[in-house]
């Protein structure tokens, strides 16, 4: 892990903390999308667990998400529930 990876992961963790205690039944997750050293998307799990952090970050990043690196504090969901899987986003 590089120093910049650690810095971006720390930012993703800080984003996730914004949802602490508000996201039940889902965990509080933070997501940061970085392209060429620049943050192009960010998100965290919203109250009641929707929308998910990854969905918000991808929406903010738009086309800049292609080829970018995603720093997320929990493996993206791959199941169908109240929302489609984040792995399909």
PDB file of N, CA and C in Angstrom:
ATOM      1  N   UNK A   1       0.853  -1.172   0.000  1.00  0.00           N
ATOM      2  CA  UNK A   1       0.000   0.000   0.000  1.00  0.00           C
ATOM      3  C   UNK A   1       0.900   1.236   0.000  1.00  0.00           C
ATOM      4  N   UNK A   2       0.586   2.166  -0.874  1.00  0.00           N
ATOM      5  CA  UNK A   2       1.354   3.406  -0.949  1.00  0.00           C
ATOM      6  C   UNK A   2       0.817   4.425   0.054  1.00  0.00           C
ATOM      7  N   UNK A   3       1.559   5.488   0.244  1.00  0.00           N
ATOM      8  CA  UNK A   3       1.113   6.563   1.139  1.00  0.00           C
ATOM      9  C   UNK A   3      -0.177   7.184   0.627  1.00  0.00           C
ATOM     10  N   UNK A   4      -0.313   7.335  -0.688  1.00  0.00           N
ATOM     11  CA  UNK A   4      -1.552   7.918  -1.226  1.00  0.00           C
ATOM     12  C   UNK A   4      -2.720   6.950  -1.049  1.00  0.00           C
ATOM     13  N   UNK A   5      -2.480   5.632  -1.190  1.00  0.00           N
ATOM     14  CA  UNK A   5      -3.547   4.656  -0.922  1.00  0.00           C
ATOM     15  C   UNK A   5      -4.029   4.795   0.518  1.00  0.00           C
ATOM     16  N   UNK A   6      -3.095   4.895   1.448  1.00  0.00           N
ATOM     17  CA  UNK A   6      -3.453   5.029   2.863  1.00  0.00           C
ATOM     18  C   UNK A   6      -4.242   6.312   3.104  1.00  0.00           C
ATOM     19  N   UNK A   7      -3.843   7.394   2.460  1.00  0.00           N
ATOM     20  CA  UNK A   7      -4.543   8.674   2.628  1.00  0.00           C
ATOM     21  C   UNK A   7      -5.971   8.593   2.089  1.00  0.00           C
ATOM     22  N   UNK A   8      -6.135   8.004   0.899  1.00  0.00           N
ATOM     23  CA  UNK A   8      -7.476   7.901   0.317  1.00  0.00           C
ATOM     24  C   UNK A   8      -8.355   6.937   1.116  1.00  0.00           C
ATOM     25  N   UNK A   9      -7.766   5.843   1.621  1.00  0.00           N
ATOM     26  CA  UNK A   9      -8.547   4.915   2.434  1.00  0.00           C
ATOM     27  C   UNK A   9      -8.979   5.578   3.732  1.00  0.00           C
ATOM     28  N   UNK A  10      -8.113   6.394   4.317  1.00  0.00           N
ATOM     29  CA  UNK A  10      -8.478   7.132   5.531  1.00  0.00           C
ATOM     30  C   UNK A  10      -9.647   8.073   5.251  1.00  0.00           C
ATOM     31  N   UNK A  11      -9.667   8.688   4.072  1.00  0.00           N
ATOM     32  CA  UNK A  11     -10.789   9.556   3.698  1.00  0.00           C
ATOM     33  C   UNK A  11     -12.070   8.745   3.543  1.00  0.00           C
ATOM     34  N   UNK A  12     -11.972   7.545   2.964  1.00  0.00           N
ATOM     35  CA  UNK A  12     -13.151   6.681   2.823  1.00  0.00           C
ATOM     36  C   UNK A  12     -13.679   6.278   4.200  1.00  0.00           C
ATOM     37  N   UNK A  13     -12.783   5.970   5.122  1.00  0.00           N
ATOM     38  CA  UNK A  13     -13.200   5.628   6.486  1.00  0.00           C
ATOM     39  C   UNK A  13     -13.903   6.807   7.156  1.00  0.00           C
ATOM     40  N   UNK A  14     -13.390   8.011   6.956  1.00  0.00           N
ATOM     41  CA  UNK A  14     -14.020   9.210   7.527  1.00  0.00           C
ATOM     42  C   UNK A  14     -15.410   9.417   6.940  1.00  0.00           C
ATOM     43  N   UNK A  15     -15.560   9.169   5.641  1.00  0.00           N
ATOM     44  CA  UNK A  15     -16.883   9.287   5.020  1.00  0.00           C
ATOM     45  C   UNK A  15     -17.847   8.285   5.641  1.00  0.00           C
ATOM     46  N   UNK A  16     -17.401   7.054   5.828  1.00  0.00           N
ATOM     47  CA  UNK A  16     -18.250   6.025   6.423  1.00  0.00           C
ATOM     48  C   UNK A  16     -18.726   6.403   7.813  1.00  0.00           C
ATOM     49  N   UNK A  17     -17.875   7.061   8.576  1.00  0.00           N
ATOM     50  CA  UNK A  17     -18.258   7.466   9.935  1.00  0.00           C
ATOM     51  C   UNK A  17     -19.416   8.465   9.930  1.00  0.00           C
ATOM     52  N   UNK A  18     -19.619   9.165   8.841  1.00  0.00           N
ATOM     53  CA  UNK A  18     -20.742  10.123   8.781  1.00  0.00           C
ATOM     54  C   UNK A  18     -22.092   9.426   8.955  1.00  0.00           C
ATOM     55  N   UNK A  19     -22.158   8.160   8.580  1.00  0.00           N
ATOM     56  CA  UNK A  19     -23.418   7.428   8.690  1.00  0.00           C
ATOM     57  C   UNK A  19     -23.570   6.612   9.956  1.00  0.00           C
ATOM     58  N   UNK A  20     -22.562   6.612  10.815  1.00  0.00           N
ATOM     59  CA  UNK A  20     -22.600   5.781  12.028  1.00  0.00           C
ATOM     60  C   UNK A  20     -23.874   6.029  12.833  1.00  0.00           C
ATOM     61  N   UNK A  21     -24.545   4.926  13.179  1.00  0.00           N
ATOM     62  CA  UNK A  21     -25.751   4.996  13.991  1.00  0.00           C
ATOM     63  C   UNK A  21     -27.005   5.373  13.229  1.00  0.00           C
ATOM     64  N   UNK A  22     -26.906   5.556  11.903  1.00  0.00           N
ATOM     65  CA  UNK A  22     -28.071   5.991  11.122  1.00  0.00           C
ATOM     66  C   UNK A  22     -28.438   5.054   9.980  1.00  0.00           C
ATOM     67  N   UNK A  23     -27.617   4.044   9.727  1.00  0.00           N
ATOM     68  CA  UNK A  23     -27.773   3.266   8.497  1.00  0.00           C
ATOM     69  C   UNK A  23     -28.442   1.908   8.684  1.00  0.00           C
ATOM     70  N   UNK A  24     -28.871   1.590   9.901  1.00  0.00           N
ATOM     71  CA  UNK A  24     -29.486   0.288  10.151  1.00  0.00           C
ATOM     72  C   UNK A  24     -30.601   0.052   9.149  1.00  0.00           C
ATOM     73  N   UNK A  25     -30.709  -1.117   8.569  1.00  0.00           N
ATOM     74  CA  UNK A  25     -30.046  -2.374   8.922  1.00  0.00           C
ATOM     75  C   UNK A  25     -28.718  -2.588   8.198  1.00  0.00           C
ATOM     76  N   UNK A  26     -28.256  -1.622   7.459  1.00  0.00           N
ATOM     77  CA  UNK A  26     -27.000  -1.766   6.719  1.00  0.00           C
ATOM     78  C   UNK A  26     -25.837  -1.191   7.517  1.00  0.00           C
ATOM     79  N   UNK A  27     -24.613  -1.617   7.184  1.00  0.00           N
ATOM     80  CA  UNK A  27     -23.443  -1.031   7.839  1.00  0.00           C
ATOM     81  C   UNK A  27     -23.153   0.366   7.289  1.00  0.00           C
ATOM     82  N   UNK A  28     -22.441   1.153   8.053  1.00  0.00           N
ATOM     83  CA  UNK A  28     -22.011   2.478   7.601  1.00  0.00           C
ATOM     84  C   UNK A  28     -20.765   2.292   6.733  1.00  0.00           C
ATOM     85  N   UNK A  29     -20.851   2.677   5.475  1.00  0.00           N
ATOM     86  CA  UNK A  29     -19.777   2.462   4.502  1.00  0.00           C
ATOM     87  C   UNK A  29     -19.383   3.794   3.885  1.00  0.00           C
ATOM     88  N   UNK A  30     -18.101   3.955   3.621  1.00  0.00           N
ATOM     89  CA  UNK A  30     -17.600   5.118   2.896  1.00  0.00           C
ATOM     90  C   UNK A  30     -16.960   4.679   1.596  1.00  0.00           C
ATOM     91  N   UNK A  31     -17.065   5.521   0.575  1.00  0.00           N
ATOM     92  CA  UNK A  31     -16.519   5.189  -0.738  1.00  0.00           C
ATOM     93  C   UNK A  31     -15.917   6.443  -1.370  1.00  0.00           C
ATOM     94  N   UNK A  32     -14.727   6.284  -1.911  1.00  0.00           N
ATOM     95  CA  UNK A  32     -14.017   7.374  -2.573  1.00  0.00           C
ATOM     96  C   UNK A  32     -13.534   6.852  -3.922  1.00  0.00           C
ATOM     97  N   UNK A  33     -13.778   7.606  -4.986  1.00  0.00           N
ATOM     98  CA  UNK A  33     -13.316   7.227  -6.321  1.00  0.00           C
ATOM     99  C   UNK A  33     -12.254   8.235  -6.742  1.00  0.00           C
ATOM    100  N   UNK A  34     -11.085   7.708  -7.111  1.00  0.00           N
ATOM    101  CA  UNK A  34      -9.924   8.548  -7.417  1.00  0.00           C
ATOM    102  C   UNK A  34      -9.414   8.221  -8.813  1.00  0.00           C
ATOM    103  N   UNK A  35      -9.215   9.263  -9.593  1.00  0.00           N
ATOM    104  CA  UNK A  35      -8.661   9.094 -10.935  1.00  0.00           C
ATOM    105  C   UNK A  35      -7.489  10.056 -11.097  1.00  0.00           C
ATOM    106  N   UNK A  36      -6.348   9.497 -11.436  1.00  0.00           N
ATOM    107  CA  UNK A  36      -5.127  10.290 -11.640  1.00  0.00           C
ATOM    108  C   UNK A  36      -4.826  11.185 -10.437  1.00  0.00           C
ATOM    109  N   UNK A  37      -5.000  10.637  -9.235  1.00  0.00           N
ATOM    110  CA  UNK A  37      -4.674  11.359  -8.016  1.00  0.00           C
ATOM    111  C   UNK A  37      -5.702  12.369  -7.555  1.00  0.00           C
ATOM    112  N   UNK A  38      -6.827  12.459  -8.255  1.00  0.00           N
ATOM    113  CA  UNK A  38      -7.874  13.443  -7.935  1.00  0.00           C
ATOM    114  C   UNK A  38      -9.166  12.729  -7.553  1.00  0.00           C
ATOM    115  N   UNK A  39      -9.811  13.154  -6.483  1.00  0.00           N
ATOM    116  CA  UNK A  39     -11.090  12.572  -6.070  1.00  0.00           C
ATOM    117  C   UNK A  39     -12.161  13.027  -7.052  1.00  0.00           C
ATOM    118  N   UNK A  40     -12.831  12.060  -7.681  1.00  0.00           N
ATOM    119  CA  UNK A  40     -13.885  12.384  -8.646  1.00  0.00           C
ATOM    120  C   UNK A  40     -15.268  11.977  -8.144  1.00  0.00           C
ATOM    121  N   UNK A  41     -15.318  11.194  -7.064  1.00  0.00           N
ATOM    122  CA  UNK A  41     -16.603  10.791  -6.505  1.00  0.00           C
ATOM    123  C   UNK A  41     -16.445  10.388  -5.058  1.00  0.00           C
ATOM    124  N   UNK A  42     -17.483  10.642  -4.270  1.00  0.00           N
ATOM    125  CA  UNK A  42     -17.464  10.236  -2.860  1.00  0.00           C
ATOM    126  C   UNK A  42     -18.895   9.990  -2.419  1.00  0.00           C
ATOM    127  N   UNK A  43     -19.033   9.115  -1.449  1.00  0.00           N
ATOM    128  CA  UNK A  43     -20.355   8.837  -0.906  1.00  0.00           C
ATOM    129  C   UNK A  43     -20.255   8.058   0.386  1.00  0.00           C
ATOM    130  N   UNK A  44     -21.348   8.033   1.124  1.00  0.00           N
ATOM    131  CA  UNK A  44     -21.442   7.229   2.339  1.00  0.00           C
ATOM    132  C   UNK A  44     -22.871   6.746   2.451  1.00  0.00           C
ATOM    133  N   UNK A  45     -23.052   5.633   3.152  1.00  0.00           N
ATOM    134  CA  UNK A  45     -24.375   5.047   3.308  1.00  0.00           C
ATOM    135  C   UNK A  45     -25.282   6.048   4.010  1.00  0.00           C
ATOM    136  N   UNK A  46     -26.437   6.266   3.428  1.00  0.00           N
ATOM    137  CA  UNK A  46     -27.384   7.246   3.949  1.00  0.00           C
ATOM    138  C   UNK A  46     -28.315   6.618   4.986  1.00  0.00           C
ATOM    139  N   UNK A  47     -29.067   7.428   5.725  1.00  0.00           N
ATOM    140  CA  UNK A  47     -29.982   6.893   6.732  1.00  0.00           C
ATOM    141  C   UNK A  47     -30.870   5.783   6.170  1.00  0.00           C
ATOM    142  N   UNK A  48     -31.104   4.789   7.007  1.00  0.00           N
ATOM    143  CA  UNK A  48     -31.866   3.581   6.664  1.00  0.00           C
ATOM    144  C   UNK A  48     -31.156   2.735   5.620  1.00  0.00           C
ATOM    145  N   UNK A  49     -29.902   3.035   5.324  1.00  0.00           N
ATOM    146  CA  UNK A  49     -29.107   2.197   4.443  1.00  0.00           C
ATOM    147  C   UNK A  49     -29.260   2.425   2.961  1.00  0.00           C
ATOM    148  N   UNK A  50     -29.983   3.478   2.566  1.00  0.00           N
ATOM    149  CA  UNK A  50     -30.163   3.731   1.129  1.00  0.00           C
ATOM    150  C   UNK A  50     -30.049   5.214   0.853  1.00  0.00           C
ATOM    151  N   UNK A  51     -29.398   5.608  -0.209  1.00  0.00           N
ATOM    152  CA  UNK A  51     -28.616   4.771  -1.124  1.00  0.00           C
ATOM    153  C   UNK A  51     -27.285   4.362  -0.506  1.00  0.00           C
ATOM    154  N   UNK A  52     -26.691   3.369  -1.135  1.00  0.00           N
ATOM    155  CA  UNK A  52     -25.392   2.879  -0.688  1.00  0.00           C
ATOM    156  C   UNK A  52     -24.288   3.857  -1.088  1.00  0.00           C
ATOM    157  N   UNK A  53     -23.177   3.770  -0.390  1.00  0.00           N
ATOM    158  CA  UNK A  53     -22.030   4.660  -0.621  1.00  0.00           C
ATOM    159  C   UNK A  53     -21.508   4.564  -2.051  1.00  0.00           C
ATOM    160  N   UNK A  54     -21.385   3.334  -2.566  1.00  0.00           N
ATOM    161  CA  UNK A  54     -20.817   3.138  -3.896  1.00  0.00           C
ATOM    162  C   UNK A  54     -21.687   3.770  -4.977  1.00  0.00           C
ATOM    163  N   UNK A  55     -22.996   3.635  -4.835  1.00  0.00           N
ATOM    164  CA  UNK A  55     -23.922   4.201  -5.812  1.00  0.00           C
ATOM    165  C   UNK A  55     -23.796   5.717  -5.861  1.00  0.00           C
ATOM    166  N   UNK A  56     -23.714   6.344  -4.696  1.00  0.00           N
ATOM    167  CA  UNK A  56     -23.552   7.802  -4.641  1.00  0.00           C
ATOM    168  C   UNK A  56     -22.243   8.242  -5.272  1.00  0.00           C
ATOM    169  N   UNK A  57     -21.163   7.553  -4.923  1.00  0.00           N
ATOM    170  CA  UNK A  57     -19.844   7.930  -5.440  1.00  0.00           C
ATOM    171  C   UNK A  57     -19.784   7.769  -6.954  1.00  0.00           C
ATOM    172  N   UNK A  58     -20.347   6.687  -7.475  1.00  0.00           N
ATOM    173  CA  UNK A  58     -20.353   6.473  -8.924  1.00  0.00           C
ATOM    174  C   UNK A  58     -21.188   7.533  -9.635  1.00  0.00           C
ATOM    175  N   UNK A  59     -22.320   7.908  -9.048  1.00  0.00           N
ATOM    176  CA  UNK A  59     -23.160   8.945  -9.656  1.00  0.00           C
ATOM    177  C   UNK A  59     -22.409  10.277  -9.700  1.00  0.00           C
ATOM    178  N   UNK A  60     -21.687  10.592  -8.642  1.00  0.00           N
ATOM    179  CA  UNK A  60     -20.928  11.842  -8.604  1.00  0.00           C
ATOM    180  C   UNK A  60     -19.785  11.816  -9.621  1.00  0.00           C
ATOM    181  N   UNK A  61     -19.127  10.682  -9.748  1.00  0.00           N
ATOM    182  CA  UNK A  61     -17.977  10.573 -10.648  1.00  0.00           C
ATOM    183  C   UNK A  61     -18.379  10.551 -12.114  1.00  0.00           C
ATOM    184  N   UNK A  62     -19.537   9.994 -12.424  1.00  0.00           N
ATOM    185  CA  UNK A  62     -19.969   9.905 -13.820  1.00  0.00           C
ATOM    186  C   UNK A  62     -18.951   9.159 -14.664  1.00  0.00           C
ATOM    187  N   UNK A  63     -18.684   9.667 -15.856  1.00  0.00           N
ATOM    188  CA  UNK A  63     -17.747   9.020 -16.776  1.00  0.00           C
ATOM    189  C   UNK A  63     -16.317   8.981 -16.241  1.00  0.00           C
ATOM    190  N   UNK A  64     -15.991   9.858 -15.310  1.00  0.00           N
ATOM    191  CA  UNK A  64     -14.637   9.872 -14.745  1.00  0.00           C
ATOM    192  C   UNK A  64     -14.345   8.612 -13.928  1.00  0.00           C
ATOM    193  N   UNK A  65     -15.375   7.821 -13.622  1.00  0.00           N
ATOM    194  CA  UNK A  65     -15.166   6.583 -12.865  1.00  0.00           C
ATOM    195  C   UNK A  65     -14.452   5.517 -13.690  1.00  0.00           C
ATOM    196  N   UNK A  66     -14.552   5.603 -15.015  1.00  0.00           N
ATOM    197  CA  UNK A  66     -13.880   4.603 -15.868  1.00  0.00           C
ATOM    198  C   UNK A  66     -12.372   4.686 -15.678  1.00  0.00           C
ATOM    199  N   UNK A  67     -11.777   3.555 -15.336  1.00  0.00           N
ATOM    200  CA  UNK A  67     -10.336   3.501 -15.143  1.00  0.00           C
ATOM    201  C   UNK A  67      -9.856   4.060 -13.819  1.00  0.00           C
ATOM    202  N   UNK A  68     -10.782   4.450 -12.956  1.00  0.00           N
ATOM    203  CA  UNK A  68     -10.421   5.029 -11.662  1.00  0.00           C
ATOM    204  C   UNK A  68     -10.215   3.930 -10.620  1.00  0.00           C
ATOM    205  N   UNK A  69      -9.697   4.322  -9.485  1.00  0.00           N
ATOM    206  CA  UNK A  69      -9.528   3.429  -8.343  1.00  0.00           C
ATOM    207  C   UNK A  69     -10.609   3.745  -7.327  1.00  0.00           C
ATOM    208  N   UNK A  70     -11.226   2.693  -6.785  1.00  0.00           N
ATOM    209  CA  UNK A  70     -12.277   2.862  -5.786  1.00  0.00           C
ATOM    210  C   UNK A  70     -11.742   2.419  -4.428  1.00  0.00           C
ATOM    211  N   UNK A  71     -11.880   3.281  -3.458  1.00  0.00           N
ATOM    212  CA  UNK A  71     -11.531   2.970  -2.073  1.00  0.00           C
ATOM    213  C   UNK A  71     -12.849   2.857  -1.324  1.00  0.00           C
ATOM    214  N   UNK A  72     -13.160   1.655  -0.857  1.00  0.00           N
ATOM    215  CA  UNK A  72     -14.438   1.423  -0.182  1.00  0.00           C
ATOM    216  C   UNK A  72     -14.169   0.634   1.097  1.00  0.00           C
ATOM    217  N   UNK A  73     -14.900   0.958   2.156  1.00  0.00           N
ATOM    218  CA  UNK A  73     -14.613   0.392   3.469  1.00  0.00           C
ATOM    219  C   UNK A  73     -15.254  -0.966   3.710  1.00  0.00           C
ATOM    220  N   UNK A  74     -16.013  -1.465   2.763  1.00  0.00           N
ATOM    221  CA  UNK A  74     -16.633  -2.783   2.869  1.00  0.00           C
ATOM    222  C   UNK A  74     -16.794  -3.317   1.462  1.00  0.00           C
ATOM    223  N   UNK A  75     -16.603  -4.612   1.289  1.00  0.00           N
ATOM    224  CA  UNK A  75     -16.776  -5.205  -0.037  1.00  0.00           C
ATOM    225  C   UNK A  75     -18.167  -4.859  -0.568  1.00  0.00           C
ATOM    226  N   UNK A  76     -18.278  -4.354  -1.804  1.00  0.00           N
ATOM    227  CA  UNK A  76     -19.591  -3.996  -2.361  1.00  0.00           C
ATOM    228  C   UNK A  76     -20.542  -5.194  -2.383  1.00  0.00           C
ATOM    229  N   UNK A  77     -21.805  -4.934  -2.097  1.00  0.00           N
ATOM    230  CA  UNK A  77     -22.793  -6.014  -2.051  1.00  0.00           C
ATOM    231  C   UNK A  77     -23.007  -6.598  -3.447  1.00  0.00           C
ATOM    232  N   UNK A  78     -23.331  -7.883  -3.475  1.00  0.00           N
ATOM    233  CA  UNK A  78     -23.550  -8.585  -4.740  1.00  0.00           C
ATOM    234  C   UNK A  78     -24.902  -9.289  -4.755  1.00  0.00           C
ATOM    235  N   UNK A  79     -25.780  -8.920  -3.832  1.00  0.00           N
ATOM    236  CA  UNK A  79     -27.086  -9.583  -3.748  1.00  0.00           C
ATOM    237  C   UNK A  79     -28.210  -8.586  -4.053  1.00  0.00           C
ATOM    238  N   UNK A  80     -29.350  -9.121  -4.412  1.00  0.00           N
ATOM    239  CA  UNK A  80     -30.538  -8.294  -4.637  1.00  0.00           C
ATOM    240  C   UNK A  80     -31.299  -8.199  -3.321  1.00  0.00           C
ATOM    241  N   UNK A  81     -31.605  -7.001  -2.914  1.00  0.00           N
ATOM    242  CA  UNK A  81     -32.372  -6.756  -1.697  1.00  0.00           C
ATOM    243  C   UNK A  81     -33.296  -5.587  -1.964  1.00  0.00           C
ATOM    244  N   UNK A  82     -33.277  -4.598  -1.074  1.00  0.00           N
ATOM    245  CA  UNK A  82     -34.087  -3.394  -1.282  1.00  0.00           C
ATOM    246  C   UNK A  82     -33.532  -2.547  -2.416  1.00  0.00           C
ATOM    247  N   UNK A  83     -32.245  -2.730  -2.706  1.00  0.00           N
ATOM    248  CA  UNK A  83     -31.599  -2.023  -3.815  1.00  0.00           C
ATOM    249  C   UNK A  83     -30.881  -3.052  -4.681  1.00  0.00           C
ATOM    250  N   UNK A  84     -30.597  -2.703  -5.939  1.00  0.00           N
ATOM    251  CA  UNK A  84     -29.807  -3.623  -6.768  1.00  0.00           C
ATOM    252  C   UNK A  84     -28.387  -3.745  -6.207  1.00  0.00           C
ATOM    253  N   UNK A  85     -27.660  -4.793  -6.592  1.00  0.00           N
ATOM    254  CA  UNK A  85     -26.303  -4.963  -6.082  1.00  0.00           C
ATOM    255  C   UNK A  85     -25.369  -3.837  -6.531  1.00  0.00           C
ATOM    256  N   UNK A  86     -24.518  -3.394  -5.629  1.00  0.00           N
ATOM    257  CA  UNK A  86     -23.537  -2.359  -5.974  1.00  0.00           C
ATOM    258  C   UNK A  86     -22.546  -2.868  -7.013  1.00  0.00           C
ATOM    259  N   UNK A  87     -22.325  -4.185  -7.049  1.00  0.00           N
ATOM    260  CA  UNK A  87     -21.403  -4.739  -8.040  1.00  0.00           C
ATOM    261  C   UNK A  87     -21.930  -4.573  -9.456  1.00  0.00           C
ATOM    262  N   UNK A  88     -23.218  -4.306  -9.612  1.00  0.00           N
ATOM    263  CA  UNK A  88     -23.806  -4.076 -10.938  1.00  0.00           C
ATOM    264  C   UNK A  88     -23.848  -2.597 -11.312  1.00  0.00           C
ATOM    265  N   UNK A  89     -23.504  -1.720 -10.371  1.00  0.00           N
ATOM    266  CA  UNK A  89     -23.635  -0.274 -10.613  1.00  0.00           C
ATOM    267  C   UNK A  89     -22.694   0.209 -11.632  1.00  0.00           C
TER     268      UNK A  89
END
